[in-house]
All heavy atoms as atom14 arrays in JSON, in Angstrom:
{
  "sequence": "CKGEAYLVRYADDFVCCFQYQEDAVRFYQALKKRLAKFNLELVIDKT",
  "atom14_mask": [
    [1, 1, 1, 1, 1, 1, 0, 0, 0, 0, 0, 0, 0, 0],
    [1, 1, 1, 1, 1, 1, 1, 1, 1, 0, 0, 0, 0, 0],
    [1, 1, 1, 1, 0, 0, 0, 0, 0, 0, 0, 0, 0, 0],
    [1, 1, 1, 1, 1, 1, 1, 1, 1, 0, 0, 0, 0, 0],
    [1, 1, 1, 1, 1, 0, 0, 0, 0, 0, 0, 0, 0, 0],
    [1, 1, 1, 1, 1, 1, 1, 1, 1, 1, 1, 1, 0, 0],
    [1, 1, 1, 1, 1, 1, 1, 1, 0, 0, 0, 0, 0, 0],
    [1, 1, 1, 1, 1, 1, 1, 0, 0, 0, 0, 0, 0, 0],
    [1, 1, 1, 1, 1, 1, 1, 1, 1, 1, 1, 0, 0, 0],
    [1, 1, 1, 1, 1, 1, 1, 1, 1, 1, 1, 1, 0, 0],
    [1, 1, 1, 1, 1, 0, 0, 0, 0, 0, 0, 0, 0, 0],
    [1, 1, 1, 1, 1, 1, 1, 1, 0, 0, 0, 0, 0, 0],
    [1, 1, 1, 1, 1, 1, 1, 1, 0, 0, 0, 0, 0, 0],
    [1, 1, 1, 1, 1, 1, 1, 1, 1, 1, 1, 0, 0, 0],
    [1, 1, 1, 1, 1, 1, 1, 0, 0, 0, 0, 0, 0, 0],
    [1, 1, 1, 1, 1, 1, 0, 0, 0, 0, 0, 0, 0, 0],
    [1, 1, 1, 1, 1, 1, 0, 0, 0, 0, 0, 0, 0, 0],
    [1, 1, 1, 1, 1, 1, 1, 1, 1, 1, 1, 0, 0, 0],
    [1, 1, 1, 1, 1, 1, 1, 1, 1, 0, 0, 0, 0, 0],
    [1, 1, 1, 1, 1, 1, 1, 1, 1, 1, 1, 1, 0, 0],
    [1, 1, 1, 1, 1, 1, 1, 1, 1, 0, 0, 0, 0, 0],
    [1, 1, 1, 1, 1, 1, 1, 1, 1, 0, 0, 0, 0, 0],
    [1, 1, 1, 1, 1, 1, 1, 1, 0, 0, 0, 0, 0, 0],
    [1, 1, 1, 1, 1, 0, 0, 0, 0, 0, 0, 0, 0, 0],
    [1, 1, 1, 1, 1, 1, 1, 0, 0, 0, 0, 0, 0, 0],
    [1, 1, 1, 1, 1, 1, 1, 1, 1, 1, 1, 0, 0, 0],
    [1, 1, 1, 1, 1, 1, 1, 1, 1, 1, 1, 0, 0, 0],
    [1, 1, 1, 1, 1, 1, 1, 1, 1, 1, 1, 1, 0, 0],
    [1, 1, 1, 1, 1, 1, 1, 1, 1, 0, 0, 0, 0, 0],
    [1, 1, 1, 1, 1, 0, 0, 0, 0, 0, 0, 0, 0, 0],
    [1, 1, 1, 1, 1, 1, 1, 1, 0, 0, 0, 0, 0, 0],
    [1, 1, 1, 1, 1, 1, 1, 1, 1, 0, 0, 0, 0, 0],
    [1, 1, 1, 1, 1, 1, 1, 1, 1, 0, 0, 0, 0, 0],
    [1, 1, 1, 1, 1, 1, 1, 1, 1, 1, 1, 0, 0, 0],
    [1, 1, 1, 1, 1, 1, 1, 1, 0, 0, 0, 0, 0, 0],
    [1, 1, 1, 1, 1, 0, 0, 0, 0, 0, 0, 0, 0, 0],
    [1, 1, 1, 1, 1, 1, 1, 1, 1, 0, 0, 0, 0, 0],
    [1, 1, 1, 1, 1, 1, 1, 1, 1, 1, 1, 0, 0, 0],
    [1, 1, 1, 1, 1, 1, 1, 1, 0, 0, 0, 0, 0, 0],
    [1, 1, 1, 1, 1, 1, 1, 1, 0, 0, 0, 0, 0, 0],
    [1, 1, 1, 1, 1, 1, 1, 1, 1, 0, 0, 0, 0, 0],
    [1, 1, 1, 1, 1, 1, 1, 1, 0, 0, 0, 0, 0, 0],
    [1, 1, 1, 1, 1, 1, 1, 0, 0, 0, 0, 0, 0, 0],
    [1, 1, 1, 1, 1, 1, 1, 1, 0, 0, 0, 0, 0, 0],
    [1, 1, 1, 1, 1, 1, 1, 1, 0, 0, 0, 0, 0, 0],
    [1, 1, 1, 1, 1, 1, 1, 1, 1, 0, 0, 0, 0, 0],
    [1, 1, 1, 1, 1, 1, 1, 0, 0, 0, 0, 0, 0, 0]
  ],
  "atom14_positions": [
    [[108.63, 145.6, 6.58], [107.47, 145.64, 7.46], [106.26, 144.98, 6.8], [106.03, 145.13, 5.6], [107.12, 147.09, 7.81], [108.31, 147.9, 8.91], [0.0, 0.0, 0.0], [0.0, 0.0, 0.0], [0.0, 0.0, 0.0], [0.0, 0.0, 0.0], [0.0, 0.0, 0.0], [0.0, 0.0, 0.0], [0.0, 0.0, 0.0], [0.0, 0.0, 0.0]],
    [[105.48, 144.26, 7.58], [104.27, 143.62, 7.08], [103.18, 144.64, 6.78], [102.4, 144.48, 5.85], [103.75, 142.61, 8.09], [104.62, 141.38, 8.27], [104.05, 140.46, 9.33], [102.62, 140.03, 8.99], [102.06, 139.12, 10.02], [0.0, 0.0, 0.0], [0.0, 0.0, 0.0], [0.0, 0.0, 0.0], [0.0, 0.0, 0.0], [0.0, 0.0, 0.0]],
    [[103.11, 145.7, 7.6], [102.08, 146.72, 7.44], [102.68, 148.09, 7.2], [103.85, 148.24, 6.84], [0.0, 0.0, 0.0], [0.0, 0.0, 0.0], [0.0, 0.0, 0.0], [0.0, 0.0, 0.0], [0.0, 0.0, 0.0], [0.0, 0.0, 0.0], [0.0, 0.0, 0.0], [0.0, 0.0, 0.0], [0.0, 0.0, 0.0], [0.0, 0.0, 0.0]],
    [[101.86, 149.1, 7.43], [102.3, 150.47, 7.23], [103.31, 150.88, 8.31], [103.25, 150.41, 9.45], [101.1, 151.41, 7.25], [100.12, 151.19, 6.12], [98.99, 152.21, 6.14], [99.27, 153.42, 6.02], [97.83, 151.79, 6.31], [0.0, 0.0, 0.0], [0.0, 0.0, 0.0], [0.0, 0.0, 0.0], [0.0, 0.0, 0.0], [0.0, 0.0, 0.0]],
    [[104.2, 151.81, 7.96], [105.2, 152.29, 8.9], [105.55, 153.74, 8.56], [105.69, 154.09, 7.38], [106.46, 151.43, 8.85], [0.0, 0.0, 0.0], [0.0, 0.0, 0.0], [0.0, 0.0, 0.0], [0.0, 0.0, 0.0], [0.0, 0.0, 0.0], [0.0, 0.0, 0.0], [0.0, 0.0, 0.0], [0.0, 0.0, 0.0], [0.0, 0.0, 0.0]],
    [[105.68, 154.56, 9.6], [105.96, 155.98, 9.39], [106.97, 156.47, 10.43], [107.02, 155.96, 11.55], [104.67, 156.81, 9.5], [103.61, 156.41, 8.51], [102.6, 155.5, 8.88], [103.61, 156.9, 7.21], [101.63, 155.12, 7.98], [102.63, 156.52, 6.3], [101.65, 155.63, 6.69], [100.69, 155.24, 5.79], [0.0, 0.0, 0.0], [0.0, 0.0, 0.0]],
    [[107.73, 157.47, 10.04], [108.71, 158.1, 10.93], [108.45, 159.6, 10.93], [108.33, 160.22, 9.87], [110.13, 157.82, 10.45], [111.26, 158.67, 11.06], [111.46, 158.33, 12.53], [112.56, 158.48, 10.29], [0.0, 0.0, 0.0], [0.0, 0.0, 0.0], [0.0, 0.0, 0.0], [0.0, 0.0, 0.0], [0.0, 0.0, 0.0], [0.0, 0.0, 0.0]],
    [[108.36, 160.19, 12.13], [108.24, 161.63, 12.3], [109.39, 162.07, 13.18], [109.5, 161.63, 14.33], [106.9, 162.03, 12.95], [106.8, 163.55, 13.09], [105.73, 161.5, 12.12], [0.0, 0.0, 0.0], [0.0, 0.0, 0.0], [0.0, 0.0, 0.0], [0.0, 0.0, 0.0], [0.0, 0.0, 0.0], [0.0, 0.0, 0.0], [0.0, 0.0, 0.0]],
    [[110.26, 162.94, 12.66], [111.45, 163.34, 13.42], [111.6, 164.86, 13.42], [111.33, 165.53, 12.43], [112.7, 162.72, 12.79], [113.99, 163.07, 13.55], [115.21, 162.39, 12.94], [115.5, 162.89, 11.59], [116.16, 164.03, 11.33], [116.57, 164.8, 12.34], [116.38, 164.41, 10.08], [0.0, 0.0, 0.0], [0.0, 0.0, 0.0], [0.0, 0.0, 0.0]],
    [[112.04, 165.38, 14.57], [112.41, 166.78, 14.7], [113.73, 166.83, 15.43], [113.81, 166.49, 16.61], [111.35, 167.58, 15.46], [111.62, 169.06, 15.51], [111.19, 169.9, 14.48], [112.34, 169.61, 16.56], [111.46, 171.26, 14.51], [112.61, 170.97, 16.59], [112.18, 171.79, 15.57], [112.45, 173.14, 15.61], [0.0, 0.0, 0.0], [0.0, 0.0, 0.0]],
    [[114.79, 167.23, 14.73], [116.15, 167.2, 15.29], [116.46, 165.77, 15.77], [116.4, 164.84, 14.97], [116.32, 168.23, 16.4], [0.0, 0.0, 0.0], [0.0, 0.0, 0.0], [0.0, 0.0, 0.0], [0.0, 0.0, 0.0], [0.0, 0.0, 0.0], [0.0, 0.0, 0.0], [0.0, 0.0, 0.0], [0.0, 0.0, 0.0], [0.0, 0.0, 0.0]],
    [[116.72, 165.57, 17.06], [117.07, 164.23, 17.54], [115.91, 163.56, 18.26], [116.09, 162.54, 18.93], [118.29, 164.29, 18.46], [118.04, 165.12, 19.72], [117.04, 165.86, 19.74], [118.85, 165.03, 20.65], [0.0, 0.0, 0.0], [0.0, 0.0, 0.0], [0.0, 0.0, 0.0], [0.0, 0.0, 0.0], [0.0, 0.0, 0.0], [0.0, 0.0, 0.0]],
    [[114.72, 164.11, 18.14], [113.54, 163.54, 18.78], [112.63, 162.98, 17.69], [112.33, 163.67, 16.72], [112.8, 164.62, 19.57], [111.87, 164.04, 20.62], [111.82, 162.8, 20.74], [111.18, 164.83, 21.3], [0.0, 0.0, 0.0], [0.0, 0.0, 0.0], [0.0, 0.0, 0.0], [0.0, 0.0, 0.0], [0.0, 0.0, 0.0], [0.0, 0.0, 0.0]],
    [[112.19, 161.73, 17.83], [111.38, 161.15, 16.77], [110.39, 160.12, 17.31], [110.56, 159.56, 18.39], [112.27, 160.5, 15.69], [113.18, 159.41, 16.18], [112.78, 158.08, 16.16], [114.44, 159.7, 16.67], [113.62, 157.06, 16.6], [115.29, 158.7, 17.13], [114.88, 157.38, 17.08], [0.0, 0.0, 0.0], [0.0, 0.0, 0.0], [0.0, 0.0, 0.0]],
    [[109.34, 159.91, 16.52], [108.3, 158.93, 16.82], [108.13, 158.04, 15.6], [108.06, 158.54, 14.47], [106.95, 159.61, 17.15], [105.85, 158.57, 17.31], [107.07, 160.45, 18.41], [0.0, 0.0, 0.0], [0.0, 0.0, 0.0], [0.0, 0.0, 0.0], [0.0, 0.0, 0.0], [0.0, 0.0, 0.0], [0.0, 0.0, 0.0], [0.0, 0.0, 0.0]],
    [[108.05, 156.74, 15.82], [107.82, 155.79, 14.73], [106.47, 155.1, 14.95], [106.15, 154.72, 16.08], [108.94, 154.75, 14.68], [110.56, 155.46, 14.33], [0.0, 0.0, 0.0], [0.0, 0.0, 0.0], [0.0, 0.0, 0.0], [0.0, 0.0, 0.0], [0.0, 0.0, 0.0], [0.0, 0.0, 0.0], [0.0, 0.0, 0.0], [0.0, 0.0, 0.0]],
    [[105.73, 154.95, 13.87], [104.4, 154.35, 13.96], [104.34, 153.1, 13.08], [104.76, 153.15, 11.91], [103.34, 155.34, 13.49], [103.45, 156.97, 14.26], [0.0, 0.0, 0.0], [0.0, 0.0, 0.0], [0.0, 0.0, 0.0], [0.0, 0.0, 0.0], [0.0, 0.0, 0.0], [0.0, 0.0, 0.0], [0.0, 0.0, 0.0], [0.0, 0.0, 0.0]],
    [[103.83, 152.02, 13.65], [103.74, 150.76, 12.91], [102.33, 150.19, 13.03], [101.69, 150.3, 14.07], [104.74, 149.74, 13.47], [106.18, 150.16, 13.3], [106.81, 150.88, 14.3], [106.88, 149.83, 12.15], [108.14, 151.27, 14.15], [108.2, 150.22, 11.99], [108.83, 150.95, 12.99], [0.0, 0.0, 0.0], [0.0, 0.0, 0.0], [0.0, 0.0, 0.0]],
    [[101.88, 149.58, 11.98], [100.55, 148.97, 11.97], [100.53, 147.72, 12.83], [99.53, 147.44, 13.51], [100.14, 148.63, 10.53], [98.73, 148.08, 10.4], [98.34, 147.84, 8.95], [99.11, 148.13, 8.03], [97.14, 147.32, 8.73], [0.0, 0.0, 0.0], [0.0, 0.0, 0.0], [0.0, 0.0, 0.0], [0.0, 0.0, 0.0], [0.0, 0.0, 0.0]],
    [[101.66, 146.97, 12.83], [101.72, 145.73, 13.57], [102.79, 145.78, 14.65], [103.89, 146.31, 14.43], [102.0, 144.55, 12.63], [100.92, 144.33, 11.6], [101.16, 144.58, 10.25], [99.65, 143.88, 11.97], [100.17, 144.39, 9.3], [98.65, 143.68, 11.03], [98.91, 143.94, 9.69], [97.93, 143.75, 8.76], [0.0, 0.0, 0.0], [0.0, 0.0, 0.0]],
    [[102.47, 145.18, 15.81], [103.39, 145.19, 16.94], [104.7, 144.49, 16.6], [105.77, 144.94, 17.0], [102.74, 144.52, 18.15], [103.63, 144.53, 19.38], [102.96, 143.86, 20.58], [101.86, 143.34, 20.47], [103.62, 143.88, 21.72], [0.0, 0.0, 0.0], [0.0, 0.0, 0.0], [0.0, 0.0, 0.0], [0.0, 0.0, 0.0], [0.0, 0.0, 0.0]],
    [[104.64, 143.38, 15.87], [105.87, 142.65, 15.56], [106.84, 143.5, 14.75], [108.06, 143.38, 14.91], [105.54, 141.36, 14.8], [104.75, 141.57, 13.51], [104.27, 140.26, 12.93], [105.08, 139.58, 12.27], [103.09, 139.91, 13.14], [0.0, 0.0, 0.0], [0.0, 0.0, 0.0], [0.0, 0.0, 0.0], [0.0, 0.0, 0.0], [0.0, 0.0, 0.0]],
    [[106.31, 144.37, 13.88], [107.19, 145.27, 13.13], [107.86, 146.27, 14.07], [109.05, 146.58, 13.92], [106.39, 146.04, 12.07], [105.98, 145.17, 10.89], [106.66, 144.14, 10.67], [105.01, 145.52, 10.2], [0.0, 0.0, 0.0], [0.0, 0.0, 0.0], [0.0, 0.0, 0.0], [0.0, 0.0, 0.0], [0.0, 0.0, 0.0], [0.0, 0.0, 0.0]],
    [[107.11, 146.76, 15.06], [107.66, 147.72, 16.02], [108.76, 147.09, 16.87], [109.81, 147.69, 17.1], [106.55, 148.25, 16.91], [0.0, 0.0, 0.0], [0.0, 0.0, 0.0], [0.0, 0.0, 0.0], [0.0, 0.0, 0.0], [0.0, 0.0, 0.0], [0.0, 0.0, 0.0], [0.0, 0.0, 0.0], [0.0, 0.0, 0.0], [0.0, 0.0, 0.0]],
    [[108.53, 145.87, 17.32], [109.52, 145.18, 18.15], [110.78, 144.9, 17.36], [111.91, 145.12, 17.84], [108.93, 143.86, 18.71], [110.01, 143.06, 19.43], [107.76, 144.17, 19.65], [0.0, 0.0, 0.0], [0.0, 0.0, 0.0], [0.0, 0.0, 0.0], [0.0, 0.0, 0.0], [0.0, 0.0, 0.0], [0.0, 0.0, 0.0], [0.0, 0.0, 0.0]],
    [[110.62, 144.44, 16.13], [111.79, 144.14, 15.29], [112.58, 145.43, 14.98], [113.8, 145.43, 15.0], [111.33, 143.47, 14.01], [112.48, 142.97, 13.13], [112.02, 142.02, 12.04], [111.02, 142.64, 11.18], [109.74, 142.29, 11.16], [109.3, 141.31, 11.94], [108.89, 142.89, 10.35], [0.0, 0.0, 0.0], [0.0, 0.0, 0.0], [0.0, 0.0, 0.0]],
    [[111.86, 146.49, 14.73], [112.52, 147.77, 14.45], [113.28, 148.27, 15.67], [114.4, 148.78, 15.55], [111.49, 148.82, 14.03], [112.04, 150.22, 14.01], [112.9, 150.63, 13.0], [111.7, 151.13, 15.0], [113.41, 151.92, 12.97], [112.21, 152.42, 14.99], [113.07, 152.82, 13.97], [0.0, 0.0, 0.0], [0.0, 0.0, 0.0], [0.0, 0.0, 0.0]],
    [[112.7, 148.14, 16.86], [113.35, 148.62, 18.08], [114.7, 147.94, 18.28], [115.68, 148.59, 18.65], [112.43, 148.36, 19.27], [113.0, 148.82, 20.59], [113.18, 150.16, 20.86], [113.36, 147.9, 21.58], [113.7, 150.59, 22.08], [113.87, 148.31, 22.79], [114.04, 149.66, 23.04], [114.57, 150.08, 24.23], [0.0, 0.0, 0.0], [0.0, 0.0, 0.0]],
    [[114.75, 146.65, 18.05], [116.01, 145.92, 18.19], [117.02, 146.35, 17.12], [118.21, 146.53, 17.39], [115.76, 144.41, 18.11], [114.85, 143.88, 19.21], [115.41, 144.15, 20.6], [116.62, 144.11, 20.83], [114.51, 144.44, 21.55], [0.0, 0.0, 0.0], [0.0, 0.0, 0.0], [0.0, 0.0, 0.0], [0.0, 0.0, 0.0], [0.0, 0.0, 0.0]],
    [[116.54, 146.53, 15.9], [117.43, 146.93, 14.81], [117.91, 148.37, 15.0], [119.05, 148.7, 14.64], [116.7, 146.8, 13.47], [0.0, 0.0, 0.0], [0.0, 0.0, 0.0], [0.0, 0.0, 0.0], [0.0, 0.0, 0.0], [0.0, 0.0, 0.0], [0.0, 0.0, 0.0], [0.0, 0.0, 0.0], [0.0, 0.0, 0.0], [0.0, 0.0, 0.0]],
    [[117.07, 149.21, 15.59], [117.42, 150.61, 15.78], [118.62, 150.76, 16.71], [119.52, 151.57, 16.45], [116.22, 151.38, 16.34], [116.44, 152.84, 16.68], [116.8, 153.65, 15.42], [115.19, 153.44, 17.35], [0.0, 0.0, 0.0], [0.0, 0.0, 0.0], [0.0, 0.0, 0.0], [0.0, 0.0, 0.0], [0.0, 0.0, 0.0], [0.0, 0.0, 0.0]],
    [[118.63, 150.01, 17.79], [119.75, 150.1, 18.74], [121.07, 149.73, 18.06], [122.1, 150.38, 18.29], [119.48, 149.2, 19.95], [118.34, 149.7, 20.83], [118.22, 148.9, 22.11], [117.67, 147.52, 21.85], [117.4, 146.78, 23.13], [0.0, 0.0, 0.0], [0.0, 0.0, 0.0], [0.0, 0.0, 0.0], [0.0, 0.0, 0.0], [0.0, 0.0, 0.0]],
    [[121.04, 148.71, 17.22], [122.25, 148.3, 16.51], [122.66, 149.33, 15.47], [123.84, 149.62, 15.28], [122.02, 146.94, 15.85], [121.77, 145.8, 16.84], [121.51, 144.49, 16.11], [121.23, 143.35, 17.09], [120.94, 142.08, 16.39], [0.0, 0.0, 0.0], [0.0, 0.0, 0.0], [0.0, 0.0, 0.0], [0.0, 0.0, 0.0], [0.0, 0.0, 0.0]],
    [[121.65, 149.89, 14.78], [121.93, 150.89, 13.76], [122.59, 152.12, 14.38], [123.59, 152.64, 13.86], [120.61, 151.3, 13.09], [120.71, 152.47, 12.11], [121.46, 152.11, 10.86], [121.47, 153.23, 9.92], [122.08, 153.19, 8.74], [122.73, 152.1, 8.34], [122.05, 154.25, 7.94], [0.0, 0.0, 0.0], [0.0, 0.0, 0.0], [0.0, 0.0, 0.0]],
    [[122.06, 152.63, 15.47], [122.62, 153.81, 16.11], [124.01, 153.56, 16.65], [124.88, 154.44, 16.61], [121.68, 154.3, 17.22], [120.31, 154.81, 16.79], [119.51, 155.26, 18.01], [120.43, 155.94, 15.79], [0.0, 0.0, 0.0], [0.0, 0.0, 0.0], [0.0, 0.0, 0.0], [0.0, 0.0, 0.0], [0.0, 0.0, 0.0], [0.0, 0.0, 0.0]],
    [[124.24, 152.36, 17.17], [125.55, 152.02, 17.73], [126.65, 152.11, 16.68], [127.8, 152.45, 17.0], [125.51, 150.63, 18.34], [0.0, 0.0, 0.0], [0.0, 0.0, 0.0], [0.0, 0.0, 0.0], [0.0, 0.0, 0.0], [0.0, 0.0, 0.0], [0.0, 0.0, 0.0], [0.0, 0.0, 0.0], [0.0, 0.0, 0.0], [0.0, 0.0, 0.0]],
    [[126.31, 151.82, 15.44], [127.3, 151.91, 14.36], [127.81, 153.34, 14.16], [128.92, 153.54, 13.65], [126.69, 151.42, 13.04], [126.43, 149.92, 12.98], [125.88, 149.54, 11.61], [125.64, 148.05, 11.51], [125.1, 147.67, 10.18], [0.0, 0.0, 0.0], [0.0, 0.0, 0.0], [0.0, 0.0, 0.0], [0.0, 0.0, 0.0], [0.0, 0.0, 0.0]],
    [[127.01, 154.3, 14.59], [127.38, 155.71, 14.4], [127.63, 156.42, 15.73], [127.49, 157.63, 15.83], [126.26, 156.42, 13.62], [126.05, 155.87, 12.24], [125.15, 154.82, 12.04], [126.76, 156.35, 11.16], [124.95, 154.3, 10.77], [126.57, 155.83, 9.89], [125.67, 154.8, 9.69], [0.0, 0.0, 0.0], [0.0, 0.0, 0.0], [0.0, 0.0, 0.0]],
    [[128.01, 155.61, 16.73], [128.33, 156.14, 18.06], [127.17, 156.91, 18.69], [127.36, 157.9, 19.39], [129.57, 157.04, 18.0], [130.81, 156.28, 17.59], [131.04, 155.16, 18.06], [131.62, 156.86, 16.72], [0.0, 0.0, 0.0], [0.0, 0.0, 0.0], [0.0, 0.0, 0.0], [0.0, 0.0, 0.0], [0.0, 0.0, 0.0], [0.0, 0.0, 0.0]],
    [[125.96, 156.43, 18.44], [124.76, 157.01, 19.05], [124.04, 155.94, 19.86], [124.24, 154.76, 19.64], [123.82, 157.55, 17.96], [124.35, 158.66, 17.07], [123.34, 158.96, 15.96], [124.64, 159.92, 17.86], [0.0, 0.0, 0.0], [0.0, 0.0, 0.0], [0.0, 0.0, 0.0], [0.0, 0.0, 0.0], [0.0, 0.0, 0.0], [0.0, 0.0, 0.0]],
    [[123.21, 156.39, 20.79], [122.42, 155.43, 21.57], [121.1, 156.07, 21.99], [120.98, 157.3, 22.06], [123.19, 154.96, 22.8], [123.58, 156.05, 23.76], [124.41, 155.53, 24.93], [124.96, 154.43, 24.82], [124.48, 156.23, 25.96], [0.0, 0.0, 0.0], [0.0, 0.0, 0.0], [0.0, 0.0, 0.0], [0.0, 0.0, 0.0], [0.0, 0.0, 0.0]],
    [[120.12, 155.24, 22.23], [118.82, 155.71, 22.67], [118.84, 156.1, 24.15], [119.61, 155.54, 24.93], [117.76, 154.61, 22.49], [117.45, 154.17, 21.05], [116.57, 152.92, 21.07], [116.75, 155.29, 20.3], [0.0, 0.0, 0.0], [0.0, 0.0, 0.0], [0.0, 0.0, 0.0], [0.0, 0.0, 0.0], [0.0, 0.0, 0.0], [0.0, 0.0, 0.0]],
    [[118.03, 157.08, 24.5], [117.8, 157.38, 25.91], [116.71, 156.41, 26.37], [115.53, 156.59, 26.05], [117.35, 158.84, 26.11], [117.11, 159.12, 27.59], [118.39, 159.79, 25.54], [0.0, 0.0, 0.0], [0.0, 0.0, 0.0], [0.0, 0.0, 0.0], [0.0, 0.0, 0.0], [0.0, 0.0, 0.0], [0.0, 0.0, 0.0], [0.0, 0.0, 0.0]],
    [[117.11, 155.38, 27.07], [116.21, 154.26, 27.38], [114.97, 154.69, 28.14], [113.85, 154.23, 27.85], [116.96, 153.17, 28.17], [118.14, 152.64, 27.34], [116.01, 152.03, 28.51], [117.74, 152.05, 26.0], [0.0, 0.0, 0.0], [0.0, 0.0, 0.0], [0.0, 0.0, 0.0], [0.0, 0.0, 0.0], [0.0, 0.0, 0.0], [0.0, 0.0, 0.0]],
    [[115.11, 155.6, 29.11], [113.94, 155.99, 29.91], [112.98, 156.88, 29.13], [111.89, 157.21, 29.62], [114.36, 156.66, 31.2], [115.19, 157.92, 30.97], [115.64, 158.14, 29.84], [115.38, 158.69, 31.94], [0.0, 0.0, 0.0], [0.0, 0.0, 0.0], [0.0, 0.0, 0.0], [0.0, 0.0, 0.0], [0.0, 0.0, 0.0], [0.0, 0.0, 0.0]],
    [[113.37, 157.28, 27.92], [112.47, 158.07, 27.08], [112.05, 157.31, 25.83], [111.45, 157.88, 24.92], [113.15, 159.38, 26.66], [113.44, 160.34, 27.81], [114.05, 161.63, 27.31], [114.32, 162.6, 28.45], [114.91, 163.87, 27.98], [0.0, 0.0, 0.0], [0.0, 0.0, 0.0], [0.0, 0.0, 0.0], [0.0, 0.0, 0.0], [0.0, 0.0, 0.0]],
    [[112.35, 156.02, 25.81], [112.05, 155.19, 24.64], [111.18, 154.02, 25.06], [111.51, 153.3, 26.0], [113.35, 154.66, 24.0], [114.23, 155.76, 23.73], [113.05, 153.93, 22.71], [0.0, 0.0, 0.0], [0.0, 0.0, 0.0], [0.0, 0.0, 0.0], [0.0, 0.0, 0.0], [0.0, 0.0, 0.0], [0.0, 0.0, 0.0], [0.0, 0.0, 0.0]]
  ]
}
């Protein structure tokens, strides 16, 4: 990440904070691939 980044999670609910929008967009794309590796997926209407 170019700037600051933080993760706050409680069980399966979490919020990620990024200083720069480009970091957030890149993370969102990587997150979907990361979760898919472990048979998990995002709830799109809540993300």
